[in-house]
């Protein structure tokens, strides 16, 4: 069975650390196969505001967006047809790993 740490904390009143909780679960006969922190995998992803969105000059289905995020302002090529000025969306800078895809984002 899989469950989140947040769900467990909702149903368990304790100040114990995650390690203490997993050790205790094992001691009462529940096998803990592993603990995954999904937030670590997505740490590079952040919110960004689209300052400007224009049609890509050489592609019908791409847009060139100027985005503002915590690391500054960057130009990105985007395949989202709904990308528009003023929208807020998810942004990952170049070099970020995209979990589940086996892909690392790169600047070209």
Protein backbone atom coordinates (compact mmCIF):
# COMPACT_ATOMS: atom_id res chain seq x y z
CA UNK A 1 0.00 0.00 0.00
CA UNK A 2 1.24 3.48 -0.82
CA UNK A 3 0.31 6.59 1.10
CA UNK A 4 1.70 10.06 1.54
CA UNK A 5 3.54 11.37 4.56
CA UNK A 6 0.93 14.16 4.74
CA UNK A 7 -1.90 11.61 4.89
CA UNK A 8 -0.10 9.72 7.65
CA UNK A 9 0.44 12.93 9.63
CA UNK A 10 -3.29 13.70 9.33
CA UNK A 11 -4.13 10.38 11.01
CA UNK A 12 -1.24 10.13 13.47
CA UNK A 13 -0.57 12.63 16.25
CA UNK A 14 3.18 12.52 16.74
CA UNK A 15 6.31 14.64 16.68
CA UNK A 16 8.39 11.66 15.52
CA UNK A 17 10.67 12.03 12.51
CA UNK A 18 10.01 10.21 9.26
CA UNK A 19 12.80 7.74 10.08
CA UNK A 20 11.29 6.98 13.50
CA UNK A 21 7.86 6.44 11.93
CA UNK A 22 9.19 4.02 9.29
CA UNK A 23 11.17 2.11 11.96
CA UNK A 24 8.06 1.85 14.15
CA UNK A 25 5.91 0.65 11.23
CA UNK A 26 8.47 -2.09 10.56
CA UNK A 27 8.57 -3.05 14.26
CA UNK A 28 4.77 -3.54 14.35
CA UNK A 29 4.94 -5.87 11.36
CA UNK A 30 4.31 -3.58 8.40
CA UNK A 31 6.94 -3.83 5.69
CA UNK A 32 8.24 -0.44 4.52
CA UNK A 33 9.81 -1.04 1.11
CA UNK A 34 10.92 2.52 0.60
CA UNK A 35 10.29 6.21 1.04
CA UNK A 36 10.21 8.50 -2.00
CA UNK A 37 10.33 12.28 -1.91
CA UNK A 38 8.57 13.35 -5.12
CA UNK A 39 9.11 17.02 -4.26
CA UNK A 40 12.87 16.61 -4.75
CA UNK A 41 12.32 15.45 -8.33
CA UNK A 42 10.25 18.55 -9.08
CA UNK A 43 12.34 21.08 -7.15
CA UNK A 44 13.54 22.81 -10.34
CA UNK A 45 9.97 23.52 -11.47
CA UNK A 46 8.52 26.86 -10.43
CA UNK A 47 5.78 29.32 -11.34
CA UNK A 48 6.48 31.90 -14.05
CA UNK A 49 4.53 34.72 -15.66
CA UNK A 50 4.45 35.12 -19.43
CA UNK A 51 5.42 38.72 -20.16
CA UNK A 52 5.09 38.39 -23.91
CA UNK A 53 3.93 35.59 -26.23
CA UNK A 54 4.31 35.69 -30.01
CA UNK A 55 3.95 33.24 -32.86
CA UNK A 56 7.23 31.52 -33.72
CA UNK A 57 8.49 32.93 -37.06
CA UNK A 58 9.39 29.50 -38.50
CA UNK A 59 6.79 27.15 -37.00
CA UNK A 60 3.00 27.23 -37.00
CA UNK A 61 2.56 25.24 -33.78
CA UNK A 62 5.19 26.98 -31.62
CA UNK A 63 5.19 30.22 -29.64
CA UNK A 64 8.11 32.34 -28.46
CA UNK A 65 7.49 33.48 -24.90
CA UNK A 66 9.33 35.88 -22.65
CA UNK A 67 8.84 34.56 -19.11
CA UNK A 68 9.62 36.05 -15.72
CA UNK A 69 10.53 33.61 -12.97
CA UNK A 70 12.50 33.75 -9.72
CA UNK A 71 15.76 33.41 -11.68
CA UNK A 72 15.09 36.36 -13.98
CA UNK A 73 13.61 36.82 -17.43
CA UNK A 74 14.16 34.27 -20.20
CA UNK A 75 12.97 33.63 -23.75
CA UNK A 76 11.59 30.16 -24.34
CA UNK A 77 10.00 28.33 -27.24
CA UNK A 78 6.74 26.77 -26.18
CA UNK A 79 4.45 24.24 -27.84
CA UNK A 80 1.37 25.17 -25.79
CA UNK A 81 -1.27 26.71 -28.07
CA UNK A 82 -2.83 28.51 -25.08
CA UNK A 83 0.38 30.38 -24.10
CA UNK A 84 -0.52 34.06 -23.90
CA UNK A 85 0.68 37.29 -22.33
CA UNK A 86 -0.16 37.52 -18.63
CA UNK A 87 -0.70 33.84 -17.98
CA UNK A 88 1.06 32.09 -15.10
CA UNK A 89 2.35 28.59 -15.69
CA UNK A 90 4.96 26.05 -14.68
CA UNK A 91 8.54 26.76 -15.75
CA UNK A 92 11.74 24.72 -15.54
CA UNK A 93 15.06 26.28 -16.54
CA UNK A 94 17.49 24.71 -18.97
CA UNK A 95 19.28 21.74 -17.40
CA UNK A 96 16.24 20.58 -15.41
CA UNK A 97 15.40 16.87 -15.49
CA UNK A 98 11.82 16.00 -16.42
CA UNK A 99 10.81 12.99 -14.27
CA UNK A 100 9.08 10.15 -16.07
CA UNK A 101 10.33 11.23 -19.49
CA UNK A 102 14.04 10.53 -19.20
CA UNK A 103 14.59 13.99 -20.67
CA UNK A 104 16.80 16.85 -19.51
CA UNK A 105 15.71 20.24 -20.81
CA UNK A 106 18.35 21.94 -22.95
CA UNK A 107 18.80 25.29 -24.59
CA UNK A 108 19.31 25.10 -28.36
